[in-house]
Amino acid sequence: MSSVTGESSGWLVLIYRVPSEPTRLRAAVWRRLKSLGAIYLQNSAAALPVSVTAERALRKLRSEILDMSGTAVLLSCAVLAGEQEVVAAFQAARDDEYEEIVDKCEDFLGQVRKEYVAEHFTYAELEENEVDLVKLRNWLAKVTERDVFGSSGRQAAEQGLAVCEQTLEEYAARVYAEEAESR
């Protein structure tokens, strides 16, 4: 479904069964599907909007499930009834991810505030915070890429990241000023 036209382009559905032991196999499949942005239609039936990237990833995961002595079938389909519910579940999953990003942005801002309180204005601290900001940017990019229906939480996540970037710029300026004074 395109967020512009409102028309469906179809879904990929992975229906699978993984041996119950060891439990780490089930957890690995669940983590992989979550990282792809898939939603569960029911137990062991996960769906993603059709895309070349999603198909490639689900084909690979199917192969891995078979290697675990499990069973898996990958279907390409159209929803005949209930598409609004499927799309709403997909959007809710994206909104949850965007909300997590907003929470992590708040954690990031708290960490930078701690640097100010502790008066840690060093290149090492700046570098550590830059690494964290890059992680946030990459995470937002991944979620945005799979947000094919334009979920409402995107704007808050983008704004949160913008505040983080501005805060880090201000912190960097302070680090540079402190470093110049110590010379």
C-alpha atoms as a PDB file:
ATOM      1  CA  MET A   1       0.000   0.000   0.000  1.00  0.00           C
ATOM      2  CA  SER A   2       1.396   3.338  -0.933  1.00  0.00           C
ATOM      3  CA  SER A   3       0.921   6.210   1.491  1.00  0.00           C
ATOM      4  CA  VAL A   4       0.189   8.477  -1.465  1.00  0.00           C
ATOM      5  CA  THR A   5      -2.322   6.446  -3.467  1.00  0.00           C
ATOM      6  CA  GLY A   6      -3.778   4.294  -0.710  1.00  0.00           C
ATOM      7  CA  GLU A   7      -3.576   1.233  -2.955  1.00  0.00           C
ATOM      8  CA  SER A   8      -2.140  -2.071  -1.820  1.00  0.00           C
ATOM      9  CA  SER A   9       0.827  -3.590  -3.585  1.00  0.00           C
ATOM     10  CA  GLY A  10       0.563  -6.804  -1.597  1.00  0.00           C
ATOM     11  CA  TRP A  11       2.078  -8.567   1.342  1.00  0.00           C
ATOM     12  CA  LEU A  12       4.687 -11.204   2.010  1.00  0.00           C
ATOM     13  CA  VAL A  13       3.658 -13.683   4.689  1.00  0.00           C
ATOM     14  CA  LEU A  14       6.084 -16.079   6.353  1.00  0.00           C
ATOM     15  CA  ILE A  15       4.394 -18.998   8.086  1.00  0.00           C
ATOM     16  CA  TYR A  16       6.853 -21.075  10.063  1.00  0.00           C
ATOM     17  CA  ARG A  17       7.396 -23.618  12.777  1.00  0.00           C
ATOM     18  CA  VAL A  18      10.632 -23.810  14.735  1.00  0.00           C
ATOM     19  CA  PRO A  19      11.540 -26.664  17.109  1.00  0.00           C
ATOM     20  CA  SER A  20      10.599 -25.771  20.702  1.00  0.00           C
ATOM     21  CA  GLU A  21      14.095 -26.604  21.942  1.00  0.00           C
ATOM     22  CA  PRO A  22      16.474 -24.900  22.134  1.00  0.00           C
ATOM     23  CA  THR A  23      14.409 -21.769  22.770  1.00  0.00           C
ATOM     24  CA  ARG A  24      17.178 -19.562  21.376  1.00  0.00           C
ATOM     25  CA  LEU A  25      16.095 -20.632  17.855  1.00  0.00           C
ATOM     26  CA  ARG A  26      12.611 -19.192  18.359  1.00  0.00           C
ATOM     27  CA  ALA A  27      14.083 -16.059  19.880  1.00  0.00           C
ATOM     28  CA  ALA A  28      16.466 -15.662  16.927  1.00  0.00           C
ATOM     29  CA  VAL A  29      13.592 -15.890  14.417  1.00  0.00           C
ATOM     30  CA  TRP A  30      11.487 -13.446  16.437  1.00  0.00           C
ATOM     31  CA  ARG A  31      14.385 -10.958  16.696  1.00  0.00           C
ATOM     32  CA  ARG A  32      15.054 -11.165  12.969  1.00  0.00           C
ATOM     33  CA  LEU A  33      11.401 -10.575  12.081  1.00  0.00           C
ATOM     34  CA  LYS A  34      11.243  -7.661  14.527  1.00  0.00           C
ATOM     35  CA  SER A  35      14.383  -6.139  13.001  1.00  0.00           C
ATOM     36  CA  LEU A  36      12.770  -6.351   9.565  1.00  0.00           C
ATOM     37  CA  GLY A  37       9.679  -4.554  10.860  1.00  0.00           C
ATOM     38  CA  ALA A  38       7.352  -7.524  10.345  1.00  0.00           C
ATOM     39  CA  ILE A  39       4.050  -7.760  12.160  1.00  0.00           C
ATOM     40  CA  TYR A  40       2.535 -10.971  13.452  1.00  0.00           C
ATOM     41  CA  LEU A  41      -0.869 -11.838  12.051  1.00  0.00           C
ATOM     42  CA  GLN A  42      -0.959 -14.687  14.563  1.00  0.00           C
ATOM     43  CA  ASN A  43       1.579 -17.035  16.139  1.00  0.00           C
ATOM     44  CA  SER A  44       4.256 -18.012  13.621  1.00  0.00           C
ATOM     45  CA  ALA A  45       2.677 -16.003  10.791  1.00  0.00           C
ATOM     46  CA  ALA A  46       4.483 -12.727  10.106  1.00  0.00           C
ATOM     47  CA  ALA A  47       3.790 -10.184   7.353  1.00  0.00           C
ATOM     48  CA  LEU A  48       5.652  -7.413   5.562  1.00  0.00           C
ATOM     49  CA  PRO A  49       4.599  -5.185   2.672  1.00  0.00           C
ATOM     50  CA  VAL A  50       5.990  -6.463  -0.626  1.00  0.00           C
ATOM     51  CA  SER A  51       9.436  -5.154  -1.544  1.00  0.00           C
ATOM     52  CA  VAL A  52      12.539  -6.667  -3.080  1.00  0.00           C
ATOM     53  CA  THR A  53      14.440  -6.126   0.170  1.00  0.00           C
ATOM     54  CA  ALA A  54      11.733  -7.738   2.299  1.00  0.00           C
ATOM     55  CA  GLU A  55      11.451 -10.709  -0.038  1.00  0.00           C
ATOM     56  CA  ARG A  56      15.196 -11.267  -0.008  1.00  0.00           C
ATOM     57  CA  ALA A  57      15.339 -11.070   3.789  1.00  0.00           C
ATOM     58  CA  LEU A  58      12.372 -13.405   4.274  1.00  0.00           C
ATOM     59  CA  ARG A  59      13.737 -15.928   1.770  1.00  0.00           C
ATOM     60  CA  LYS A  60      17.005 -15.941   3.708  1.00  0.00           C
ATOM     61  CA  LEU A  61      15.182 -16.320   7.027  1.00  0.00           C
ATOM     62  CA  ARG A  62      13.096 -19.181   5.580  1.00  0.00           C
ATOM     63  CA  SER A  63      16.297 -20.945   4.607  1.00  0.00           C
ATOM     64  CA  GLU A  64      17.696 -20.449   8.110  1.00  0.00           C
ATOM     65  CA  ILE A  65      14.506 -21.844   9.652  1.00  0.00           C
ATOM     66  CA  LEU A  66      14.785 -24.924   7.442  1.00  0.00           C
ATOM     67  CA  ASP A  67      18.412 -25.300   8.589  1.00  0.00           C
ATOM     68  CA  MET A  68      17.083 -25.302  12.182  1.00  0.00           C
ATOM     69  CA  SER A  69      14.994 -28.377  11.292  1.00  0.00           C
ATOM     70  CA  GLY A  70      11.921 -26.161  11.191  1.00  0.00           C
ATOM     71  CA  THR A  71       9.333 -25.642   8.474  1.00  0.00           C
ATOM     72  CA  ALA A  72       8.559 -22.424   6.656  1.00  0.00           C
ATOM     73  CA  VAL A  73       6.604 -21.224   3.672  1.00  0.00           C
ATOM     74  CA  LEU A  74       6.797 -17.743   2.188  1.00  0.00           C
ATOM     75  CA  LEU A  75       3.653 -16.447   0.494  1.00  0.00           C
ATOM     76  CA  SER A  76       3.025 -13.400  -1.635  1.00  0.00           C
ATOM     77  CA  CYS A  77      -0.594 -12.337  -1.287  1.00  0.00           C
ATOM     78  CA  ALA A  78      -3.247  -9.666  -1.303  1.00  0.00           C
ATOM     79  CA  VAL A  79      -5.545  -9.144   1.656  1.00  0.00           C
ATOM     80  CA  LEU A  80      -9.107  -9.878   0.578  1.00  0.00           C
ATOM     81  CA  ALA A  81     -10.705  -8.639   3.789  1.00  0.00           C
ATOM     82  CA  GLY A  82      -9.250  -6.874   6.807  1.00  0.00           C
ATOM     83  CA  GLU A  83      -6.511  -4.900   5.066  1.00  0.00           C
ATOM     84  CA  GLN A  84      -7.223  -1.809   7.174  1.00  0.00           C
ATOM     85  CA  GLU A  85      -6.483  -3.842  10.293  1.00  0.00           C
ATOM     86  CA  VAL A  86      -3.253  -5.209   8.836  1.00  0.00           C
ATOM     87  CA  VAL A  87      -2.107  -1.739   7.779  1.00  0.00           C
ATOM     88  CA  ALA A  88      -3.100  -0.321  11.176  1.00  0.00           C
ATOM     89  CA  ALA A  89      -1.061  -3.024  12.934  1.00  0.00           C
ATOM     90  CA  PHE A  90       1.918  -2.248  10.698  1.00  0.00           C
ATOM     91  CA  GLN A  91       1.597   1.488  11.408  1.00  0.00           C
ATOM     92  CA  ALA A  92       1.261   0.831  15.149  1.00  0.00           C
ATOM     93  CA  ALA A  93       4.478  -1.209  15.043  1.00  0.00           C
ATOM     94  CA  ARG A  94       6.273   1.692  13.345  1.00  0.00           C
ATOM     95  CA  ASP A  95       4.818   4.163  15.844  1.00  0.00           C
ATOM     96  CA  ASP A  96       6.132   1.964  18.669  1.00  0.00           C
ATOM     97  CA  GLU A  97       9.587   2.055  17.079  1.00  0.00           C
ATOM     98  CA  TYR A  98       9.411   5.828  16.649  1.00  0.00           C
ATOM     99  CA  GLU A  99       8.382   6.141  20.294  1.00  0.00           C
ATOM    100  CA  GLU A 100      11.405   4.060  21.320  1.00  0.00           C
ATOM    101  CA  ILE A 101      13.613   6.424  19.323  1.00  0.00           C
ATOM    102  CA  VAL A 102      12.076   9.437  21.072  1.00  0.00           C
ATOM    103  CA  ASP A 103      12.788   7.735  24.421  1.00  0.00           C
ATOM    104  CA  LYS A 104      16.403   7.077  23.386  1.00  0.00           C
ATOM    105  CA  CYS A 105      16.728  10.715  22.290  1.00  0.00           C
ATOM    106  CA  GLU A 106      15.643  11.755  25.784  1.00  0.00           C
ATOM    107  CA  ASP A 107      18.248   9.380  27.249  1.00  0.00           C
ATOM    108  CA  PHE A 108      20.860  10.920  24.938  1.00  0.00           C
ATOM    109  CA  LEU A 109      19.951  14.438  26.059  1.00  0.00           C
ATOM    110  CA  GLY A 110      20.145  13.307  29.698  1.00  0.00           C
ATOM    111  CA  GLN A 111      23.618  11.914  29.081  1.00  0.00           C
ATOM    112  CA  VAL A 112      24.815  15.187  27.560  1.00  0.00           C
ATOM    113  CA  ARG A 113      23.318  17.098  30.517  1.00  0.00           C
ATOM    114  CA  LYS A 114      25.339  14.847  32.852  1.00  0.00           C
ATOM    115  CA  GLU A 115      28.495  15.836  30.969  1.00  0.00           C
ATOM    116  CA  TYR A 116      27.691  19.495  31.660  1.00  0.00           C
ATOM    117  CA  VAL A 117      26.966  18.846  35.358  1.00  0.00           C
ATOM    118  CA  ALA A 118      30.194  16.842  35.747  1.00  0.00           C
ATOM    119  CA  GLU A 119      32.042  19.417  33.622  1.00  0.00           C
ATOM    120  CA  HIS A 120      33.359  16.705  31.307  1.00  0.00           C
ATOM    121  CA  PHE A 121      34.277  18.658  28.210  1.00  0.00           C
ATOM    122  CA  THR A 122      36.736  16.293  26.577  1.00  0.00           C
ATOM    123  CA  TYR A 123      37.196  14.960  23.089  1.00  0.00           C
ATOM    124  CA  ALA A 124      36.692  11.432  24.441  1.00  0.00           C
ATOM    125  CA  GLU A 125      33.266  12.318  25.843  1.00  0.00           C
ATOM    126  CA  LEU A 126      32.373  14.154  22.636  1.00  0.00           C
ATOM    127  CA  GLU A 127      33.377  11.153  20.542  1.00  0.00           C
ATOM    128  CA  GLU A 128      31.347   8.798  22.729  1.00  0.00           C
ATOM    129  CA  ASN A 129      28.271  11.010  22.326  1.00  0.00           C
ATOM    130  CA  GLU A 130      28.853  11.298  18.568  1.00  0.00           C
ATOM    131  CA  VAL A 131      28.851   7.485  18.320  1.00  0.00           C
ATOM    132  CA  ASP A 132      25.525   7.372  20.187  1.00  0.00           C
ATOM    133  CA  LEU A 133      24.047  10.020  17.878  1.00  0.00           C
ATOM    134  CA  VAL A 134      25.131   8.055  14.788  1.00  0.00           C
ATOM    135  CA  LYS A 135      23.349   5.003  16.217  1.00  0.00           C
ATOM    136  CA  LEU A 136      20.177   7.052  16.666  1.00  0.00           C
ATOM    137  CA  ARG A 137      20.419   8.407  13.107  1.00  0.00           C
ATOM    138  CA  ASN A 138      20.912   4.916  11.676  1.00  0.00           C
ATOM    139  CA  TRP A 139      18.039   3.509  13.697  1.00  0.00           C
ATOM    140  CA  LEU A 140      15.706   6.292  12.539  1.00  0.00           C
ATOM    141  CA  ALA A 141      16.780   5.713   8.936  1.00  0.00           C
ATOM    142  CA  LYS A 142      15.947   1.986   9.212  1.00  0.00           C
ATOM    143  CA  VAL A 143      12.525   2.626  10.708  1.00  0.00           C
ATOM    144  CA  THR A 144      11.764   5.381   8.182  1.00  0.00           C
ATOM    145  CA  GLU A 145      12.755   3.077   5.325  1.00  0.00           C
ATOM    146  CA  ARG A 146      10.211   0.455   6.354  1.00  0.00           C
ATOM    147  CA  ASP A 147       7.522   3.031   7.227  1.00  0.00           C
ATOM    148  CA  VAL A 148       5.791   2.633   3.866  1.00  0.00           C
ATOM    149  CA  PHE A 149       2.419   3.858   5.168  1.00  0.00           C
ATOM    150  CA  GLY A 150       3.619   7.095   6.768  1.00  0.00           C
ATOM    151  CA  SER A 151       3.048   6.467  10.473  1.00  0.00           C
ATOM    152  CA  SER A 152       2.180   9.423  12.659  1.00  0.00           C
ATOM    153  CA  GLY A 153       5.101   8.953  15.082  1.00  0.00           C
ATOM    154  CA  ARG A 154       7.736   9.798  12.504  1.00  0.00           C
ATOM    155  CA  GLN A 155       7.626  13.560  13.021  1.00  0.00           C
ATOM    156  CA  ALA A 156       8.248  13.312  16.782  1.00  0.00           C
ATOM    157  CA  ALA A 157      11.216  11.008  16.202  1.00  0.00           C
ATOM    158  CA  GLU A 158      12.685  13.355  13.584  1.00  0.00           C
ATOM    159  CA  GLN A 159      12.216  16.319  15.911  1.00  0.00           C
ATOM    160  CA  GLY A 160      13.790  14.411  18.795  1.00  0.00           C
ATOM    161  CA  LEU A 161      16.813  13.591  16.674  1.00  0.00           C
ATOM    162  CA  ALA A 162      17.096  17.231  15.533  1.00  0.00           C
ATOM    163  CA  VAL A 163      17.201  18.349  19.184  1.00  0.00           C
ATOM    164  CA  CYS A 164      19.913  15.751  19.876  1.00  0.00           C
ATOM    165  CA  GLU A 165      21.964  17.001  16.919  1.00  0.00           C
ATOM    166  CA  GLN A 166      21.645  20.631  18.061  1.00  0.00           C
ATOM    167  CA  THR A 167      22.526  19.709  21.658  1.00  0.00           C
ATOM    168  CA  LEU A 168      25.599  17.805  20.521  1.00  0.00           C
ATOM    169  CA  GLU A 169      26.677  20.767  18.367  1.00  0.00           C
ATOM    170  CA  GLU A 170      26.463  23.025  21.432  1.00  0.00           C
ATOM    171  CA  TYR A 171      28.369  20.493  23.530  1.00  0.00           C
ATOM    172  CA  ALA A 172      31.056  20.203  20.828  1.00  0.00           C
ATOM    173  CA  ALA A 173      31.465  23.986  20.796  1.00  0.00           C
ATOM    174  CA  ARG A 174      31.971  23.906  24.564  1.00  0.00           C
ATOM    175  CA  VAL A 175      34.523  21.076  24.265  1.00  0.00           C
ATOM    176  CA  TYR A 176      36.459  23.074  21.648  1.00  0.00           C
ATOM    177  CA  ALA A 177      36.315  26.217  23.814  1.00  0.00           C
ATOM    178  CA  GLU A 178      37.519  24.342  26.914  1.00  0.00           C
ATOM    179  CA  GLU A 179      40.313  22.723  24.933  1.00  0.00           C
ATOM    180  CA  ALA A 180      41.433  26.089  23.551  1.00  0.00           C
ATOM    181  CA  GLU A 181      41.492  27.597  27.076  1.00  0.00           C
ATOM    182  CA  SER A 182      43.617  24.757  28.438  1.00  0.00           C
ATOM    183  CA  ARG A 183      46.390  25.390  25.925  1.00  0.00           C
END
